[in-house]
Amino acid sequence: KDDQSQVGFEQTVDLEEKMLTVEYWRDRFGKAAKHF
């Protein structure tokens, strides 16, 4: 089930976004989370 779930995640992120680093997304998440 976890493998199937991971496949679902992979399909939602297009190739261009995969090229970005996880640090980029962590920074954006931190900024967005401050709204809550």
All heavy atoms as atom14 arrays in JSON, in Angstrom:
{
  "sequence": "KDDQSQVGFEQTVDLEEKMLTVEYWRDRFGKAAKHF",
  "atom14_mask": [
    [1, 1, 1, 1, 1, 1, 1, 1, 1, 0, 0, 0, 0, 0],
    [1, 1, 1, 1, 1, 1, 1, 1, 0, 0, 0, 0, 0, 0],
    [1, 1, 1, 1, 1, 1, 1, 1, 0, 0, 0, 0, 0, 0],
    [1, 1, 1, 1, 1, 1, 1, 1, 1, 0, 0, 0, 0, 0],
    [1, 1, 1, 1, 1, 1, 0, 0, 0, 0, 0, 0, 0, 0],
    [1, 1, 1, 1, 1, 1, 1, 1, 1, 0, 0, 0, 0, 0],
    [1, 1, 1, 1, 1, 1, 1, 0, 0, 0, 0, 0, 0, 0],
    [1, 1, 1, 1, 0, 0, 0, 0, 0, 0, 0, 0, 0, 0],
    [1, 1, 1, 1, 1, 1, 1, 1, 1, 1, 1, 0, 0, 0],
    [1, 1, 1, 1, 1, 1, 1, 1, 1, 0, 0, 0, 0, 0],
    [1, 1, 1, 1, 1, 1, 1, 1, 1, 0, 0, 0, 0, 0],
    [1, 1, 1, 1, 1, 1, 1, 0, 0, 0, 0, 0, 0, 0],
    [1, 1, 1, 1, 1, 1, 1, 0, 0, 0, 0, 0, 0, 0],
    [1, 1, 1, 1, 1, 1, 1, 1, 0, 0, 0, 0, 0, 0],
    [1, 1, 1, 1, 1, 1, 1, 1, 0, 0, 0, 0, 0, 0],
    [1, 1, 1, 1, 1, 1, 1, 1, 1, 0, 0, 0, 0, 0],
    [1, 1, 1, 1, 1, 1, 1, 1, 1, 0, 0, 0, 0, 0],
    [1, 1, 1, 1, 1, 1, 1, 1, 1, 0, 0, 0, 0, 0],
    [1, 1, 1, 1, 1, 1, 1, 1, 0, 0, 0, 0, 0, 0],
    [1, 1, 1, 1, 1, 1, 1, 1, 0, 0, 0, 0, 0, 0],
    [1, 1, 1, 1, 1, 1, 1, 0, 0, 0, 0, 0, 0, 0],
    [1, 1, 1, 1, 1, 1, 1, 0, 0, 0, 0, 0, 0, 0],
    [1, 1, 1, 1, 1, 1, 1, 1, 1, 0, 0, 0, 0, 0],
    [1, 1, 1, 1, 1, 1, 1, 1, 1, 1, 1, 1, 0, 0],
    [1, 1, 1, 1, 1, 1, 1, 1, 1, 1, 1, 1, 1, 1],
    [1, 1, 1, 1, 1, 1, 1, 1, 1, 1, 1, 0, 0, 0],
    [1, 1, 1, 1, 1, 1, 1, 1, 0, 0, 0, 0, 0, 0],
    [1, 1, 1, 1, 1, 1, 1, 1, 1, 1, 1, 0, 0, 0],
    [1, 1, 1, 1, 1, 1, 1, 1, 1, 1, 1, 0, 0, 0],
    [1, 1, 1, 1, 0, 0, 0, 0, 0, 0, 0, 0, 0, 0],
    [1, 1, 1, 1, 1, 1, 1, 1, 1, 0, 0, 0, 0, 0],
    [1, 1, 1, 1, 1, 0, 0, 0, 0, 0, 0, 0, 0, 0],
    [1, 1, 1, 1, 1, 0, 0, 0, 0, 0, 0, 0, 0, 0],
    [1, 1, 1, 1, 1, 1, 1, 1, 1, 0, 0, 0, 0, 0],
    [1, 1, 1, 1, 1, 1, 1, 1, 1, 1, 0, 0, 0, 0],
    [1, 1, 1, 1, 1, 1, 1, 1, 1, 1, 1, 0, 0, 0]
  ],
  "atom14_positions": [
    [[0.83, -1.21, 0.0], [0.0, 0.0, 0.0], [0.86, 1.25, 0.0], [0.54, 2.24, -0.65], [-0.92, 0.01, 1.21], [-2.24, -0.63, 0.97], [-3.17, -0.35, 2.12], [-4.57, -0.75, 1.75], [-5.51, -0.51, 2.82], [0.0, 0.0, 0.0], [0.0, 0.0, 0.0], [0.0, 0.0, 0.0], [0.0, 0.0, 0.0], [0.0, 0.0, 0.0]],
    [[1.98, 1.22, 0.77], [2.86, 2.39, 0.81], [3.49, 2.65, -0.55], [3.65, 3.8, -0.96], [3.95, 2.22, 1.87], [3.41, 2.38, 3.28], [2.35, 3.03, 3.43], [4.04, 1.88, 4.22], [0.0, 0.0, 0.0], [0.0, 0.0, 0.0], [0.0, 0.0, 0.0], [0.0, 0.0, 0.0], [0.0, 0.0, 0.0], [0.0, 0.0, 0.0]],
    [[3.86, 1.57, -1.27], [4.42, 1.72, -2.61], [3.38, 2.35, -3.54], [3.7, 3.23, -4.33], [4.86, 0.38, -3.18], [6.07, -0.19, -2.46], [6.81, 0.6, -1.84], [6.27, -1.42, -2.53], [0.0, 0.0, 0.0], [0.0, 0.0, 0.0], [0.0, 0.0, 0.0], [0.0, 0.0, 0.0], [0.0, 0.0, 0.0], [0.0, 0.0, 0.0]],
    [[2.13, 1.89, -3.45], [1.07, 2.44, -4.29], [0.85, 3.91, -3.97], [0.64, 4.72, -4.86], [-0.22, 1.66, -4.09], [-0.17, 0.26, -4.63], [-1.37, -0.57, -4.21], [-2.1, -0.19, -3.3], [-1.57, -1.69, -4.88], [0.0, 0.0, 0.0], [0.0, 0.0, 0.0], [0.0, 0.0, 0.0], [0.0, 0.0, 0.0], [0.0, 0.0, 0.0]],
    [[0.92, 4.26, -2.7], [0.75, 5.65, -2.29], [1.86, 6.51, -2.86], [1.64, 7.63, -3.31], [0.71, 5.74, -0.76], [0.59, 7.06, -0.36], [0.0, 0.0, 0.0], [0.0, 0.0, 0.0], [0.0, 0.0, 0.0], [0.0, 0.0, 0.0], [0.0, 0.0, 0.0], [0.0, 0.0, 0.0], [0.0, 0.0, 0.0], [0.0, 0.0, 0.0]],
    [[3.1, 6.01, -2.82], [4.24, 6.76, -3.35], [4.08, 6.99, -4.84], [4.39, 8.06, -5.34], [5.55, 6.01, -3.05], [6.79, 6.81, -3.39], [6.97, 8.04, -2.53], [6.5, 8.12, -1.41], [7.64, 9.03, -3.07], [0.0, 0.0, 0.0], [0.0, 0.0, 0.0], [0.0, 0.0, 0.0], [0.0, 0.0, 0.0], [0.0, 0.0, 0.0]],
    [[3.57, 5.99, -5.56], [3.33, 6.15, -7.0], [2.35, 7.29, -7.22], [2.52, 8.11, -8.11], [2.82, 4.83, -7.62], [2.32, 5.05, -9.03], [3.93, 3.78, -7.6], [0.0, 0.0, 0.0], [0.0, 0.0, 0.0], [0.0, 0.0, 0.0], [0.0, 0.0, 0.0], [0.0, 0.0, 0.0], [0.0, 0.0, 0.0], [0.0, 0.0, 0.0]],
    [[1.32, 7.39, -6.38], [0.35, 8.48, -6.49], [1.01, 9.83, -6.31], [0.69, 10.79, -7.01], [0.0, 0.0, 0.0], [0.0, 0.0, 0.0], [0.0, 0.0, 0.0], [0.0, 0.0, 0.0], [0.0, 0.0, 0.0], [0.0, 0.0, 0.0], [0.0, 0.0, 0.0], [0.0, 0.0, 0.0], [0.0, 0.0, 0.0], [0.0, 0.0, 0.0]],
    [[1.93, 9.92, -5.36], [2.65, 11.17, -5.15], [3.49, 11.52, -6.37], [3.52, 12.66, -6.81], [3.58, 11.08, -3.94], [2.9, 11.3, -2.63], [2.92, 10.32, -1.65], [2.25, 12.49, -2.35], [2.31, 10.52, -0.44], [1.63, 12.7, -1.14], [1.65, 11.71, -0.18], [0.0, 0.0, 0.0], [0.0, 0.0, 0.0], [0.0, 0.0, 0.0]],
    [[4.18, 10.53, -6.94], [5.05, 10.78, -8.09], [4.28, 11.31, -9.28], [4.78, 12.14, -10.03], [5.81, 9.51, -8.46], [6.86, 9.14, -7.43], [7.48, 7.79, -7.67], [7.16, 7.14, -8.69], [8.29, 7.38, -6.82], [0.0, 0.0, 0.0], [0.0, 0.0, 0.0], [0.0, 0.0, 0.0], [0.0, 0.0, 0.0], [0.0, 0.0, 0.0]],
    [[3.06, 10.85, -9.45], [2.27, 11.28, -10.59], [1.79, 12.71, -10.44], [1.46, 13.35, -11.44], [1.08, 10.34, -10.78], [1.5, 8.95, -11.19], [0.36, 7.97, -11.17], [-0.72, 8.28, -10.69], [0.59, 6.78, -11.68], [0.0, 0.0, 0.0], [0.0, 0.0, 0.0], [0.0, 0.0, 0.0], [0.0, 0.0, 0.0], [0.0, 0.0, 0.0]],
    [[1.76, 13.25, -9.23], [1.22, 14.59, -9.04], [2.27, 15.69, -9.19], [1.94, 16.85, -9.27], [0.58, 14.74, -7.66], [1.57, 14.52, -6.67], [-0.57, 13.77, -7.49], [0.0, 0.0, 0.0], [0.0, 0.0, 0.0], [0.0, 0.0, 0.0], [0.0, 0.0, 0.0], [0.0, 0.0, 0.0], [0.0, 0.0, 0.0], [0.0, 0.0, 0.0]],
    [[3.52, 15.31, -9.2], [4.58, 16.31, -9.32], [5.19, 16.16, -10.71], [5.73, 15.14, -11.06], [5.65, 16.09, -8.22], [6.75, 17.12, -8.35], [5.02, 16.14, -6.85], [0.0, 0.0, 0.0], [0.0, 0.0, 0.0], [0.0, 0.0, 0.0], [0.0, 0.0, 0.0], [0.0, 0.0, 0.0], [0.0, 0.0, 0.0], [0.0, 0.0, 0.0]],
    [[5.09, 17.2, -11.51], [5.6, 17.08, -12.86], [7.13, 17.16, -12.9], [7.78, 17.53, -11.92], [4.94, 18.08, -13.81], [5.03, 19.51, -13.34], [5.62, 19.75, -12.28], [4.5, 20.39, -14.03], [0.0, 0.0, 0.0], [0.0, 0.0, 0.0], [0.0, 0.0, 0.0], [0.0, 0.0, 0.0], [0.0, 0.0, 0.0], [0.0, 0.0, 0.0]],
    [[7.7, 16.84, -14.02], [9.14, 16.7, -14.17], [9.89, 17.98, -13.79], [10.92, 17.93, -13.13], [9.48, 16.29, -15.61], [10.95, 16.08, -15.92], [11.52, 14.97, -15.03], [11.11, 15.69, -17.38], [0.0, 0.0, 0.0], [0.0, 0.0, 0.0], [0.0, 0.0, 0.0], [0.0, 0.0, 0.0], [0.0, 0.0, 0.0], [0.0, 0.0, 0.0]],
    [[9.37, 19.13, -14.18], [10.04, 20.38, -13.89], [10.21, 20.59, -12.38], [11.25, 21.02, -11.92], [9.25, 21.54, -14.5], [9.91, 22.88, -14.3], [9.13, 23.96, -15.02], [9.37, 24.12, -16.22], [8.31, 24.61, -14.37], [0.0, 0.0, 0.0], [0.0, 0.0, 0.0], [0.0, 0.0, 0.0], [0.0, 0.0, 0.0], [0.0, 0.0, 0.0]],
    [[9.18, 20.26, -11.62], [9.27, 20.43, -10.17], [10.21, 19.42, -9.54], [10.83, 19.7, -8.53], [7.88, 20.34, -9.55], [7.03, 21.53, -9.91], [5.62, 21.43, -9.37], [5.27, 20.39, -8.8], [4.88, 22.39, -9.55], [0.0, 0.0, 0.0], [0.0, 0.0, 0.0], [0.0, 0.0, 0.0], [0.0, 0.0, 0.0], [0.0, 0.0, 0.0]],
    [[10.33, 18.24, -10.11], [11.26, 17.24, -9.58], [12.69, 17.73, -9.66], [13.54, 17.31, -8.89], [11.12, 15.91, -10.33], [9.93, 15.11, -9.93], [9.95, 13.77, -10.62], [8.78, 12.94, -10.21], [8.78, 11.62, -10.85], [0.0, 0.0, 0.0], [0.0, 0.0, 0.0], [0.0, 0.0, 0.0], [0.0, 0.0, 0.0], [0.0, 0.0, 0.0]],
    [[12.96, 18.61, -10.61], [14.32, 19.1, -10.79], [14.7, 20.08, -9.68], [15.87, 20.35, -9.47], [14.46, 19.76, -12.16], [14.35, 18.73, -13.27], [14.36, 19.32, -14.99], [14.77, 21.01, -14.93], [0.0, 0.0, 0.0], [0.0, 0.0, 0.0], [0.0, 0.0, 0.0], [0.0, 0.0, 0.0], [0.0, 0.0, 0.0], [0.0, 0.0, 0.0]],
    [[13.73, 20.63, -8.99], [14.02, 21.53, -7.89], [14.46, 20.73, -6.67], [14.15, 19.56, -6.53], [12.78, 22.36, -7.55], [12.27, 23.25, -8.69], [10.94, 23.86, -8.31], [13.28, 24.31, -9.05], [0.0, 0.0, 0.0], [0.0, 0.0, 0.0], [0.0, 0.0, 0.0], [0.0, 0.0, 0.0], [0.0, 0.0, 0.0], [0.0, 0.0, 0.0]],
    [[15.11, 21.39, -5.75], [15.59, 20.68, -4.56], [14.52, 20.61, -3.48], [13.61, 21.43, -3.43], [16.82, 21.38, -3.97], [16.43, 22.68, -3.52], [17.93, 21.5, -4.99], [0.0, 0.0, 0.0], [0.0, 0.0, 0.0], [0.0, 0.0, 0.0], [0.0, 0.0, 0.0], [0.0, 0.0, 0.0], [0.0, 0.0, 0.0], [0.0, 0.0, 0.0]],
    [[14.65, 19.64, -2.61], [13.71, 19.51, -1.5], [13.83, 20.71, -0.57], [12.85, 21.12, 0.03], [13.9, 18.16, -0.76], [15.19, 18.14, 0.03], [12.71, 17.86, 0.13], [0.0, 0.0, 0.0], [0.0, 0.0, 0.0], [0.0, 0.0, 0.0], [0.0, 0.0, 0.0], [0.0, 0.0, 0.0], [0.0, 0.0, 0.0], [0.0, 0.0, 0.0]],
    [[15.0, 21.3, -0.48], [15.17, 22.49, 0.36], [14.3, 23.65, -0.13], [13.76, 24.41, 0.66], [16.64, 22.92, 0.42], [17.53, 22.0, 1.22], [17.95, 20.75, 0.45], [17.8, 20.72, -0.8], [18.4, 19.79, 1.09], [0.0, 0.0, 0.0], [0.0, 0.0, 0.0], [0.0, 0.0, 0.0], [0.0, 0.0, 0.0], [0.0, 0.0, 0.0]],
    [[14.17, 23.78, -1.44], [13.3, 24.8, -2.04], [11.87, 24.62, -1.55], [11.21, 25.58, -1.13], [13.39, 24.69, -3.56], [12.37, 25.52, -4.3], [12.6, 26.86, -4.56], [11.18, 24.95, -4.75], [11.68, 27.63, -5.26], [10.25, 25.71, -5.45], [10.5, 27.04, -5.69], [9.58, 27.79, -6.37], [0.0, 0.0, 0.0], [0.0, 0.0, 0.0]],
    [[11.38, 23.38, -1.6], [10.01, 23.1, -1.2], [9.84, 23.24, 0.31], [8.79, 23.66, 0.78], [9.58, 21.72, -1.68], [9.39, 21.74, -3.16], [10.24, 21.24, -4.11], [8.3, 22.34, -3.88], [9.73, 21.48, -5.36], [8.54, 22.15, -5.25], [7.15, 23.0, -3.49], [7.67, 22.6, -6.24], [6.27, 23.45, -4.47], [6.54, 23.26, -5.82]],
    [[10.85, 22.87, 1.07], [10.77, 23.02, 2.53], [10.66, 24.49, 2.9], [9.89, 24.85, 3.8], [11.99, 22.39, 3.19], [11.96, 20.89, 3.14], [13.23, 20.27, 3.66], [13.11, 18.81, 3.62], [14.13, 17.99, 3.66], [15.36, 18.46, 3.76], [13.94, 16.69, 3.62], [0.0, 0.0, 0.0], [0.0, 0.0, 0.0], [0.0, 0.0, 0.0]],
    [[11.39, 25.34, 2.2], [11.32, 26.78, 2.45], [9.93, 27.31, 2.12], [9.33, 28.06, 2.89], [12.39, 27.5, 1.63], [12.39, 28.99, 1.88], [12.53, 29.4, 3.06], [12.27, 29.76, 0.9], [0.0, 0.0, 0.0], [0.0, 0.0, 0.0], [0.0, 0.0, 0.0], [0.0, 0.0, 0.0], [0.0, 0.0, 0.0], [0.0, 0.0, 0.0]],
    [[9.39, 26.91, 0.98], [8.05, 27.35, 0.59], [6.99, 26.83, 1.56], [6.05, 27.56, 1.9], [7.71, 26.86, -0.83], [8.36, 27.73, -1.88], [8.07, 27.29, -3.28], [6.64, 27.3, -3.62], [6.18, 27.1, -4.84], [7.01, 26.87, -5.84], [4.88, 27.1, -5.08], [0.0, 0.0, 0.0], [0.0, 0.0, 0.0], [0.0, 0.0, 0.0]],
    [[7.14, 25.6, 2.03], [6.2, 25.05, 3.0], [6.24, 25.86, 4.29], [5.2, 26.19, 4.85], [6.51, 23.57, 3.3], [5.54, 22.97, 4.27], [4.32, 22.48, 3.85], [5.83, 22.93, 5.63], [3.41, 21.94, 4.76], [4.94, 22.39, 6.54], [3.73, 21.9, 6.1], [0.0, 0.0, 0.0], [0.0, 0.0, 0.0], [0.0, 0.0, 0.0]],
    [[7.43, 26.18, 4.76], [7.57, 26.97, 5.99], [6.88, 28.32, 5.88], [6.2, 28.76, 6.81], [0.0, 0.0, 0.0], [0.0, 0.0, 0.0], [0.0, 0.0, 0.0], [0.0, 0.0, 0.0], [0.0, 0.0, 0.0], [0.0, 0.0, 0.0], [0.0, 0.0, 0.0], [0.0, 0.0, 0.0], [0.0, 0.0, 0.0], [0.0, 0.0, 0.0]],
    [[7.04, 28.96, 4.74], [6.39, 30.26, 4.52], [4.87, 30.12, 4.47], [4.15, 30.95, 5.03], [6.91, 30.9, 3.24], [8.35, 31.36, 3.34], [8.87, 31.88, 2.02], [10.33, 32.26, 2.14], [10.92, 32.63, 0.85], [0.0, 0.0, 0.0], [0.0, 0.0, 0.0], [0.0, 0.0, 0.0], [0.0, 0.0, 0.0], [0.0, 0.0, 0.0]],
    [[4.4, 29.1, 3.8], [2.95, 28.89, 3.7], [2.34, 28.51, 5.04], [1.25, 28.96, 5.4], [2.65, 27.81, 2.65], [0.0, 0.0, 0.0], [0.0, 0.0, 0.0], [0.0, 0.0, 0.0], [0.0, 0.0, 0.0], [0.0, 0.0, 0.0], [0.0, 0.0, 0.0], [0.0, 0.0, 0.0], [0.0, 0.0, 0.0], [0.0, 0.0, 0.0]],
    [[3.06, 27.7, 5.81], [2.53, 27.22, 7.1], [2.36, 28.36, 8.1], [1.54, 28.26, 9.02], [3.46, 26.15, 7.67], [0.0, 0.0, 0.0], [0.0, 0.0, 0.0], [0.0, 0.0, 0.0], [0.0, 0.0, 0.0], [0.0, 0.0, 0.0], [0.0, 0.0, 0.0], [0.0, 0.0, 0.0], [0.0, 0.0, 0.0], [0.0, 0.0, 0.0]],
    [[3.09, 29.45, 7.92], [2.98, 30.6, 8.83], [1.61, 31.26, 8.77], [1.24, 32.01, 9.66], [4.07, 31.63, 8.52], [5.45, 31.16, 8.9], [6.49, 32.19, 8.56], [7.87, 31.66, 8.9], [8.92, 32.62, 8.55], [0.0, 0.0, 0.0], [0.0, 0.0, 0.0], [0.0, 0.0, 0.0], [0.0, 0.0, 0.0], [0.0, 0.0, 0.0]],
    [[0.84, 30.97, 7.74], [-0.51, 31.54, 7.6], [-1.53, 30.86, 8.51], [-2.67, 31.3, 8.57], [-0.98, 31.44, 6.15], [-0.28, 32.36, 5.22], [0.92, 32.04, 4.62], [-0.6, 33.6, 4.79], [1.3, 33.04, 3.86], [0.39, 34.0, 3.94], [0.0, 0.0, 0.0], [0.0, 0.0, 0.0], [0.0, 0.0, 0.0], [0.0, 0.0, 0.0]],
    [[-1.13, 29.81, 9.19], [-2.06, 29.03, 9.99], [-1.64, 29.02, 11.46], [-0.47, 29.19, 11.78], [-2.13, 27.59, 9.45], [-2.58, 27.56, 8.02], [-1.66, 27.58, 6.99], [-3.93, 27.55, 7.71], [-2.07, 27.58, 5.66], [-4.35, 27.55, 6.39], [-3.42, 27.57, 5.36], [0.0, 0.0, 0.0], [0.0, 0.0, 0.0], [0.0, 0.0, 0.0]]
  ]
}
